[in-house]
Every structure is written in structure tokens, then in C-alpha cells.
Amino acid sequence: MDEEESLGRAIREEVAIFPYDRGWPYLFEEERDRLLCLFPGYFLAIEHVGSTAVPGLSAKPVIDMLAGVESISRADELMEPLCQARYATSMEFNASLVERRWLMRWSKGRRTHHLHLVVHGSEEWERRLAFRDMLRADAELANRYAQNKLAWAAEFRSDREAYTAAKGHFIQEALGRAG
């Protein structure tokens, strides 16, 4: 499979949830270290977020990384160099985003990492970390989230946007109750 075909398959990949894999934190650390080495001084912090960052939680096997930058203009400056460093993105999709930029890394026709460039310390930064920390601290919440994700994955298997929207509603509700 050539690189273009691999990227195309990764973009169209169906939503599927897998049991927790103890290797996910290591995949995060490996990619975080690679990015910090390639771009010294550009990231104020890189955090493991999303379901793969919560021990025991089933997830799509895609490592979500939250990379803190000093400004969105700094994130924009990084888009091309990150694409040269084996990431792909949709400029059209990113144009619809206000508080972050998004990139995807893939291998052999499947997504391996999502990289979210966010202003370090911003409301978006804090919100993503707060939800991860809530899931780590509250087994009941994590279990409800896992059960919902399985149902959403079945319902929206071929519609990643609808799956993401369903998760977004759950996250907003959980954060609203906590705040």
C-alpha cells in the first residue's frame, strides 16, 4: 500500500472501540519525545488526553495528544513543519476551529495519533485536562463514558463527526456538573 492510499484509508477509518491497552502510555511518551526533539522550544507542554490516557478505559486506539503553544499563530506556524514530520491535516477542517489546530498521524491505513495544538493554559487546555482527570478519578463516570462510547460507535460507525458530537455532549454535561 502506498502512502497516499494509506492516508486515504486512515481518513475513512470506521469508529471502533478496543479494550484498554497498557502500551498506550508508552506510545504517547514515544511520540511526545519525538516532537519535543524535532521542535525544541515550540511546545510549552505536551499532555496525553482522551480515553487512551485513562487506565482501564476502552477507546479508539488513537493516542490523543494536547500540545500547548503560546498562541494560535504559533500553532499555525507549526502546521507545515508538522506535516513534514509525518502528520496530515485538513486545512478546511482547521479553518472551522477557533481555539485549536488538529493533525493526524497514521500508519498502515489507520490513525495512530491525533495532535491538538492549543494555547497553553487557555480555557480549551484546562477543559481537556479537567475531563481526563475526572475520568481518572471517578470510575463510575469512566464506566458510563465507556458504555456510551460503545453505543455511539455502533450507531455512528461510519460517521466520525456524529460520534465526536455525541461524546462532546457527554463531556460538556460532565464538566457542567463538576463546575
Foldseek 3Di string as FASTA:
>chain_A
DDPVVLVVLAVQAWFDKDWADPCLVVLQVVVVVVVCVVDPPFFPDKDFFDQNLAPGFIGRQATEIETAGQDVVSVVVCPVVVVVVQKAADVVVQVPDDFWGWIFHGDRNHTHYIYIYGHPPDPVNVLRVVLRVCVNVDVVLSVVLRVVLNVLSVVPRRPVVSSVVVSVVSSVVVVVVVD
